[in-house]
Amino acid sequence: MGSKKLETIVGDGTRVAGQVSVKGTIRIDGIVEGDVHADWVIVGETGKILGNTRSRGVVVGGSVEGNIEATETVELMGKASMAGEIRAPKLAVSEGAVFDGRSRMKAETGPSEVQDGKIRTLVPTKGASGSA
């Protein structure tokens, strides 16, 4: 298997509230307010995730506010905005991407000070638009 065939799309102008679980790949061009679990996650330039993401790989072209946990790779494209923690063995950040948080690339051997499943409350920065 291992194909990155696109199976689910959340279109631009669509808002989904709640947990999303997808077998295969999901592309998000709209807004998902909740956790996303999929084999592969692609966030388009107009896409936004407000929640935690778990997958094999994540490509962010839009915005993510929450934590990302990937077993293979995370890539932040040039127009990406990421606020939260990234846990992945491979991380690529393109020039122009905004990453406000921290990353962990090693597997944790002992108990973690970060509790799994808990998202930190993010405080909006000055000038952030409040409209959604």
N, C-alpha and C. Protein backbone atom coordinates (compact mmCIF):
# COMPACT_ATOMS: atom_id res chain seq x y z
N MET A 1 0.85 -1.19 0.00
CA MET A 1 0.00 0.00 0.00
C MET A 1 0.89 1.24 0.00
N GLY A 2 0.72 2.13 0.97
CA GLY A 2 1.60 3.29 1.08
C GLY A 2 1.31 4.37 0.05
N SER A 3 0.22 4.27 -0.71
CA SER A 3 -0.06 5.30 -1.71
C SER A 3 -0.63 6.53 -1.01
N LYS A 4 -0.38 7.70 -1.61
CA LYS A 4 -0.90 8.94 -1.06
C LYS A 4 -2.14 9.38 -1.84
N LYS A 5 -2.95 8.43 -2.29
CA LYS A 5 -4.15 8.73 -3.06
C LYS A 5 -5.10 9.58 -2.23
N LEU A 6 -5.59 10.66 -2.84
CA LEU A 6 -6.49 11.58 -2.16
C LEU A 6 -7.87 10.95 -2.06
N GLU A 7 -8.37 10.78 -0.85
CA GLU A 7 -9.66 10.13 -0.66
C GLU A 7 -10.74 11.04 -0.09
N THR A 8 -10.37 12.07 0.67
CA THR A 8 -11.35 12.94 1.30
C THR A 8 -10.91 14.39 1.15
N ILE A 9 -11.88 15.25 0.80
CA ILE A 9 -11.58 16.68 0.65
C ILE A 9 -12.58 17.49 1.48
N VAL A 10 -12.06 18.43 2.27
CA VAL A 10 -12.89 19.42 2.94
C VAL A 10 -12.67 20.71 2.15
N GLY A 11 -13.66 21.08 1.35
CA GLY A 11 -13.50 22.18 0.40
C GLY A 11 -13.44 23.55 1.03
N ASP A 12 -12.92 24.51 0.27
CA ASP A 12 -12.86 25.91 0.68
C ASP A 12 -14.28 26.39 0.94
N GLY A 13 -14.49 27.06 2.07
CA GLY A 13 -15.83 27.52 2.43
C GLY A 13 -16.59 26.53 3.29
N THR A 14 -16.02 25.34 3.51
CA THR A 14 -16.65 24.33 4.35
C THR A 14 -16.07 24.39 5.76
N ARG A 15 -16.95 24.26 6.76
CA ARG A 15 -16.51 24.24 8.16
C ARG A 15 -17.00 22.94 8.79
N VAL A 16 -16.07 22.19 9.37
CA VAL A 16 -16.40 20.93 10.04
C VAL A 16 -16.08 21.10 11.52
N ALA A 17 -17.04 20.79 12.39
CA ALA A 17 -16.82 20.87 13.83
C ALA A 17 -16.91 19.46 14.40
N GLY A 18 -15.85 19.02 15.07
CA GLY A 18 -15.82 17.69 15.65
C GLY A 18 -14.62 16.91 15.16
N GLN A 19 -14.44 15.72 15.70
CA GLN A 19 -13.29 14.90 15.31
C GLN A 19 -13.49 14.32 13.93
N VAL A 20 -12.41 14.34 13.12
CA VAL A 20 -12.45 13.78 11.77
C VAL A 20 -11.46 12.62 11.73
N SER A 21 -11.96 11.43 11.35
CA SER A 21 -11.10 10.25 11.18
C SER A 21 -11.24 9.77 9.76
N VAL A 22 -10.09 9.63 9.06
CA VAL A 22 -10.10 9.25 7.66
C VAL A 22 -9.10 8.12 7.45
N LYS A 23 -9.52 7.11 6.71
CA LYS A 23 -8.59 6.07 6.30
C LYS A 23 -8.05 6.54 4.95
N GLY A 24 -6.77 6.77 4.87
CA GLY A 24 -6.18 7.31 3.64
C GLY A 24 -5.79 8.76 3.83
N THR A 25 -5.92 9.54 2.76
CA THR A 25 -5.46 10.93 2.75
C THR A 25 -6.64 11.90 2.80
N ILE A 26 -6.50 12.97 3.58
CA ILE A 26 -7.49 14.04 3.61
C ILE A 26 -6.80 15.34 3.21
N ARG A 27 -7.48 16.11 2.36
CA ARG A 27 -7.01 17.46 2.01
C ARG A 27 -8.01 18.43 2.60
N ILE A 28 -7.50 19.41 3.33
CA ILE A 28 -8.36 20.39 3.99
C ILE A 28 -8.11 21.77 3.37
N ASP A 29 -9.13 22.27 2.68
CA ASP A 29 -9.07 23.63 2.14
C ASP A 29 -10.05 24.54 2.89
N GLY A 30 -10.89 23.96 3.72
CA GLY A 30 -11.82 24.70 4.56
C GLY A 30 -11.30 24.75 5.98
N ILE A 31 -12.22 24.71 6.95
CA ILE A 31 -11.85 24.80 8.37
C ILE A 31 -12.32 23.54 9.09
N VAL A 32 -11.42 22.92 9.85
CA VAL A 32 -11.79 21.81 10.71
C VAL A 32 -11.53 22.25 12.15
N GLU A 33 -12.61 22.30 12.95
CA GLU A 33 -12.50 22.64 14.36
C GLU A 33 -12.63 21.35 15.15
N GLY A 34 -11.51 20.72 15.43
CA GLY A 34 -11.50 19.44 16.14
C GLY A 34 -10.28 18.65 15.71
N ASP A 35 -10.10 17.50 16.30
CA ASP A 35 -8.94 16.66 16.01
C ASP A 35 -9.08 15.96 14.67
N VAL A 36 -7.94 15.79 13.99
CA VAL A 36 -7.91 15.11 12.70
C VAL A 36 -7.00 13.90 12.81
N HIS A 37 -7.53 12.73 12.43
CA HIS A 37 -6.75 11.48 12.42
C HIS A 37 -6.87 10.92 11.02
N ALA A 38 -5.73 10.74 10.34
CA ALA A 38 -5.73 10.19 8.98
C ALA A 38 -4.35 9.60 8.70
N ASP A 39 -4.26 8.83 7.62
CA ASP A 39 -2.95 8.31 7.22
C ASP A 39 -2.05 9.45 6.77
N TRP A 40 -2.60 10.37 5.95
CA TRP A 40 -1.88 11.54 5.47
C TRP A 40 -2.82 12.73 5.54
N VAL A 41 -2.28 13.90 5.92
CA VAL A 41 -3.08 15.12 6.03
C VAL A 41 -2.40 16.20 5.20
N ILE A 42 -3.18 16.83 4.30
CA ILE A 42 -2.70 17.96 3.51
C ILE A 42 -3.59 19.14 3.85
N VAL A 43 -2.98 20.22 4.33
CA VAL A 43 -3.72 21.45 4.62
C VAL A 43 -3.38 22.44 3.52
N GLY A 44 -4.36 22.74 2.67
CA GLY A 44 -4.15 23.68 1.57
C GLY A 44 -3.96 25.09 2.08
N GLU A 45 -3.60 26.02 1.19
CA GLU A 45 -3.33 27.41 1.58
C GLU A 45 -4.53 28.08 2.24
N THR A 46 -5.75 27.68 1.87
CA THR A 46 -6.95 28.26 2.48
C THR A 46 -7.44 27.42 3.65
N GLY A 47 -6.76 26.30 3.94
CA GLY A 47 -7.20 25.37 4.98
C GLY A 47 -6.75 25.77 6.37
N LYS A 48 -7.52 25.31 7.36
CA LYS A 48 -7.20 25.62 8.76
C LYS A 48 -7.66 24.47 9.63
N ILE A 49 -6.77 24.03 10.53
CA ILE A 49 -7.13 23.03 11.54
C ILE A 49 -7.00 23.70 12.91
N LEU A 50 -8.07 23.63 13.70
CA LEU A 50 -8.05 24.12 15.07
C LEU A 50 -8.21 22.88 15.96
N GLY A 51 -7.12 22.20 16.23
CA GLY A 51 -7.16 20.97 16.99
C GLY A 51 -5.89 20.17 16.77
N ASN A 52 -5.83 19.00 17.35
CA ASN A 52 -4.65 18.15 17.24
C ASN A 52 -4.74 17.26 16.00
N THR A 53 -3.59 16.97 15.40
CA THR A 53 -3.54 16.15 14.19
C THR A 53 -2.61 14.97 14.44
N ARG A 54 -3.09 13.77 14.08
CA ARG A 54 -2.27 12.55 14.19
C ARG A 54 -2.30 11.84 12.86
N SER A 55 -1.10 11.53 12.32
CA SER A 55 -1.04 10.84 11.04
C SER A 55 0.37 10.34 10.79
N ARG A 56 0.55 9.70 9.63
CA ARG A 56 1.89 9.31 9.20
C ARG A 56 2.65 10.54 8.71
N GLY A 57 1.98 11.40 7.95
CA GLY A 57 2.63 12.58 7.40
C GLY A 57 1.66 13.73 7.27
N VAL A 58 2.17 14.96 7.45
CA VAL A 58 1.35 16.17 7.36
C VAL A 58 2.08 17.19 6.51
N VAL A 59 1.37 17.76 5.53
CA VAL A 59 1.88 18.87 4.74
C VAL A 59 0.98 20.06 5.02
N VAL A 60 1.56 21.15 5.53
CA VAL A 60 0.77 22.33 5.90
C VAL A 60 1.08 23.47 4.93
N GLY A 61 0.06 23.89 4.19
CA GLY A 61 0.18 25.06 3.32
C GLY A 61 -0.60 26.22 3.90
N GLY A 62 -1.54 25.92 4.79
CA GLY A 62 -2.40 26.93 5.41
C GLY A 62 -2.05 27.12 6.88
N SER A 63 -3.04 26.90 7.75
CA SER A 63 -2.88 27.23 9.16
C SER A 63 -3.26 26.04 10.05
N VAL A 64 -2.46 25.82 11.08
CA VAL A 64 -2.76 24.81 12.09
C VAL A 64 -2.55 25.44 13.46
N GLU A 65 -3.58 25.36 14.31
CA GLU A 65 -3.48 25.78 15.71
C GLU A 65 -3.76 24.55 16.54
N GLY A 66 -2.71 23.91 17.02
CA GLY A 66 -2.83 22.68 17.77
C GLY A 66 -1.55 21.89 17.62
N ASN A 67 -1.55 20.68 18.10
CA ASN A 67 -0.36 19.85 18.07
C ASN A 67 -0.43 18.86 16.91
N ILE A 68 0.72 18.59 16.31
CA ILE A 68 0.81 17.61 15.24
C ILE A 68 1.71 16.48 15.71
N GLU A 69 1.22 15.25 15.57
CA GLU A 69 2.03 14.08 15.86
C GLU A 69 2.03 13.21 14.62
N ALA A 70 3.21 13.05 14.00
CA ALA A 70 3.34 12.27 12.77
C ALA A 70 4.40 11.19 12.97
N THR A 71 4.15 10.02 12.42
CA THR A 71 5.11 8.92 12.56
C THR A 71 6.21 9.00 11.50
N GLU A 72 6.00 9.78 10.42
CA GLU A 72 7.01 9.86 9.36
C GLU A 72 7.54 11.28 9.13
N THR A 73 6.69 12.22 8.72
CA THR A 73 7.20 13.54 8.33
C THR A 73 6.17 14.65 8.49
N VAL A 74 6.65 15.86 8.74
CA VAL A 74 5.83 17.07 8.74
C VAL A 74 6.54 18.10 7.88
N GLU A 75 5.79 18.74 6.98
CA GLU A 75 6.37 19.76 6.11
C GLU A 75 5.53 21.02 6.20
N LEU A 76 6.19 22.15 6.52
CA LEU A 76 5.53 23.45 6.56
C LEU A 76 5.94 24.21 5.30
N MET A 77 4.97 24.46 4.42
CA MET A 77 5.22 25.14 3.16
C MET A 77 5.41 26.64 3.39
N GLY A 78 5.73 27.38 2.33
CA GLY A 78 6.09 28.79 2.43
C GLY A 78 5.05 29.71 3.04
N LYS A 79 3.75 29.40 2.88
CA LYS A 79 2.70 30.26 3.43
C LYS A 79 2.05 29.67 4.67
N ALA A 80 2.67 28.64 5.23
CA ALA A 80 2.10 27.95 6.38
C ALA A 80 2.22 28.76 7.66
N SER A 81 1.26 28.55 8.55
CA SER A 81 1.28 29.14 9.88
C SER A 81 0.94 28.03 10.87
N MET A 82 1.87 27.75 11.78
CA MET A 82 1.71 26.65 12.72
C MET A 82 1.94 27.14 14.13
N ALA A 83 0.97 26.92 15.02
CA ALA A 83 1.11 27.29 16.43
C ALA A 83 0.82 26.05 17.25
N GLY A 84 1.83 25.51 17.89
CA GLY A 84 1.66 24.30 18.70
C GLY A 84 2.92 23.47 18.69
N GLU A 85 2.79 22.23 19.09
CA GLU A 85 3.94 21.33 19.16
C GLU A 85 3.91 20.35 18.00
N ILE A 86 5.08 20.09 17.42
CA ILE A 86 5.21 19.10 16.36
C ILE A 86 6.07 17.97 16.88
N ARG A 87 5.55 16.74 16.78
CA ARG A 87 6.34 15.56 17.11
C ARG A 87 6.42 14.70 15.86
N ALA A 88 7.62 14.60 15.28
CA ALA A 88 7.83 13.82 14.07
C ALA A 88 9.32 13.55 13.90
N PRO A 89 9.68 12.42 13.27
CA PRO A 89 11.10 12.14 13.06
C PRO A 89 11.73 13.03 11.99
N LYS A 90 10.92 13.57 11.05
CA LYS A 90 11.43 14.47 10.02
C LYS A 90 10.56 15.72 9.99
N LEU A 91 11.22 16.89 9.94
CA LEU A 91 10.51 18.17 9.89
C LEU A 91 11.18 19.06 8.85
N ALA A 92 10.38 19.57 7.91
CA ALA A 92 10.88 20.51 6.90
C ALA A 92 10.10 21.81 7.03
N VAL A 93 10.82 22.92 7.11
CA VAL A 93 10.18 24.23 7.22
C VAL A 93 10.69 25.09 6.07
N SER A 94 9.80 25.44 5.15
CA SER A 94 10.18 26.27 4.00
C SER A 94 10.32 27.73 4.42
N GLU A 95 11.11 28.47 3.65
CA GLU A 95 11.27 29.90 3.89
C GLU A 95 9.92 30.59 3.79
N GLY A 96 9.60 31.43 4.76
CA GLY A 96 8.34 32.15 4.78
C GLY A 96 7.31 31.53 5.71
N ALA A 97 7.51 30.28 6.09
CA ALA A 97 6.58 29.63 7.01
C ALA A 97 6.74 30.21 8.41
N VAL A 98 5.63 30.25 9.15
CA VAL A 98 5.65 30.73 10.53
C VAL A 98 5.40 29.55 11.44
N PHE A 99 6.34 29.28 12.36
CA PHE A 99 6.20 28.17 13.30
C PHE A 99 6.40 28.72 14.69
N ASP A 100 5.30 28.78 15.47
CA ASP A 100 5.34 29.29 16.83
C ASP A 100 5.04 28.13 17.77
N GLY A 101 6.06 27.53 18.30
CA GLY A 101 5.89 26.38 19.17
C GLY A 101 7.20 25.66 19.33
N ARG A 102 7.14 24.34 19.48
CA ARG A 102 8.38 23.59 19.59
C ARG A 102 8.21 22.26 18.86
N SER A 103 9.35 21.68 18.54
CA SER A 103 9.32 20.40 17.84
C SER A 103 10.13 19.38 18.60
N ARG A 104 9.72 18.13 18.49
CA ARG A 104 10.44 17.00 19.06
C ARG A 104 10.62 15.99 17.95
N MET A 105 11.87 15.63 17.70
CA MET A 105 12.16 14.72 16.61
C MET A 105 12.62 13.36 17.09
N LYS A 106 12.96 13.22 18.34
CA LYS A 106 13.39 11.93 18.89
C LYS A 106 12.21 11.23 19.54
N ALA A 107 12.26 9.90 19.52
CA ALA A 107 11.25 9.13 20.25
C ALA A 107 11.51 9.30 21.73
N GLU A 108 10.45 9.43 22.48
CA GLU A 108 10.60 9.62 23.92
C GLU A 108 10.71 8.26 24.60
N THR A 109 11.71 8.13 25.48
CA THR A 109 11.93 6.85 26.14
C THR A 109 11.32 6.82 27.53
N GLY A 110 11.20 7.96 28.16
CA GLY A 110 10.66 8.02 29.52
C GLY A 110 9.33 8.73 29.53
N PRO A 111 8.78 8.95 30.72
CA PRO A 111 7.52 9.68 30.81
C PRO A 111 7.70 11.11 30.32
N SER A 112 6.72 11.60 29.63
CA SER A 112 6.79 12.93 29.04
C SER A 112 6.12 13.94 29.96
N GLU A 113 6.64 15.16 29.93
CA GLU A 113 5.99 16.20 30.70
C GLU A 113 4.79 16.76 29.94
N VAL A 114 4.68 16.44 28.66
CA VAL A 114 3.53 16.85 27.87
C VAL A 114 2.52 15.70 27.90
N GLN A 115 1.30 15.99 28.30
CA GLN A 115 0.29 14.96 28.39
C GLN A 115 -0.33 14.73 27.01
N ASP A 116 -0.36 13.47 26.58
CA ASP A 116 -0.95 13.14 25.29
C ASP A 116 -2.43 13.50 25.29
N GLY A 117 -2.89 13.99 24.15
CA GLY A 117 -4.31 14.30 24.01
C GLY A 117 -4.71 15.65 24.58
N LYS A 118 -3.79 16.35 25.19
CA LYS A 118 -4.12 17.66 25.76
C LYS A 118 -3.56 18.74 24.87
N ILE A 119 -4.40 19.64 24.44
CA ILE A 119 -3.94 20.76 23.63
C ILE A 119 -3.77 21.96 24.55
N ARG A 120 -2.68 22.66 24.36
CA ARG A 120 -2.46 23.86 25.16
C ARG A 120 -3.38 24.96 24.66
N THR A 121 -3.83 25.81 25.57
CA THR A 121 -4.64 26.94 25.19
C THR A 121 -3.73 27.96 24.53
N LEU A 122 -4.11 28.38 23.32
CA LEU A 122 -3.30 29.32 22.59
C LEU A 122 -3.89 30.71 22.72
N VAL A 123 -3.04 31.67 23.03
CA VAL A 123 -3.47 33.05 23.20
C VAL A 123 -3.27 33.77 21.88
N PRO A 124 -4.33 34.39 21.33
CA PRO A 124 -4.16 35.09 20.06
C PRO A 124 -3.18 36.24 20.19
N THR A 125 -2.36 36.45 19.16
CA THR A 125 -1.40 37.53 19.17
C THR A 125 -2.07 38.82 18.73
N LYS A 126 -1.45 39.94 19.01
CA LYS A 126 -2.01 41.23 18.60
C LYS A 126 -2.13 41.26 17.08
N GLY A 127 -3.23 41.77 16.62
CA GLY A 127 -3.42 41.90 15.17
C GLY A 127 -4.03 40.66 14.54
N ALA A 128 -4.24 39.60 15.32
CA ALA A 128 -4.86 38.40 14.75
C ALA A 128 -6.34 38.67 14.55
N SER A 129 -6.85 38.28 13.38
CA SER A 129 -8.26 38.54 13.09
C SER A 129 -9.11 37.57 13.88
N GLY A 130 -10.20 38.05 14.42
CA GLY A 130 -11.08 37.22 15.21
C GLY A 130 -12.22 36.64 14.39
N SER A 131 -12.27 36.93 13.10
CA SER A 131 -13.39 36.44 12.28
C SER A 131 -13.06 35.07 11.72
N ALA A 132 -14.08 34.23 11.66
CA ALA A 132 -13.89 32.90 11.07
C ALA A 132 -15.08 32.57 10.19
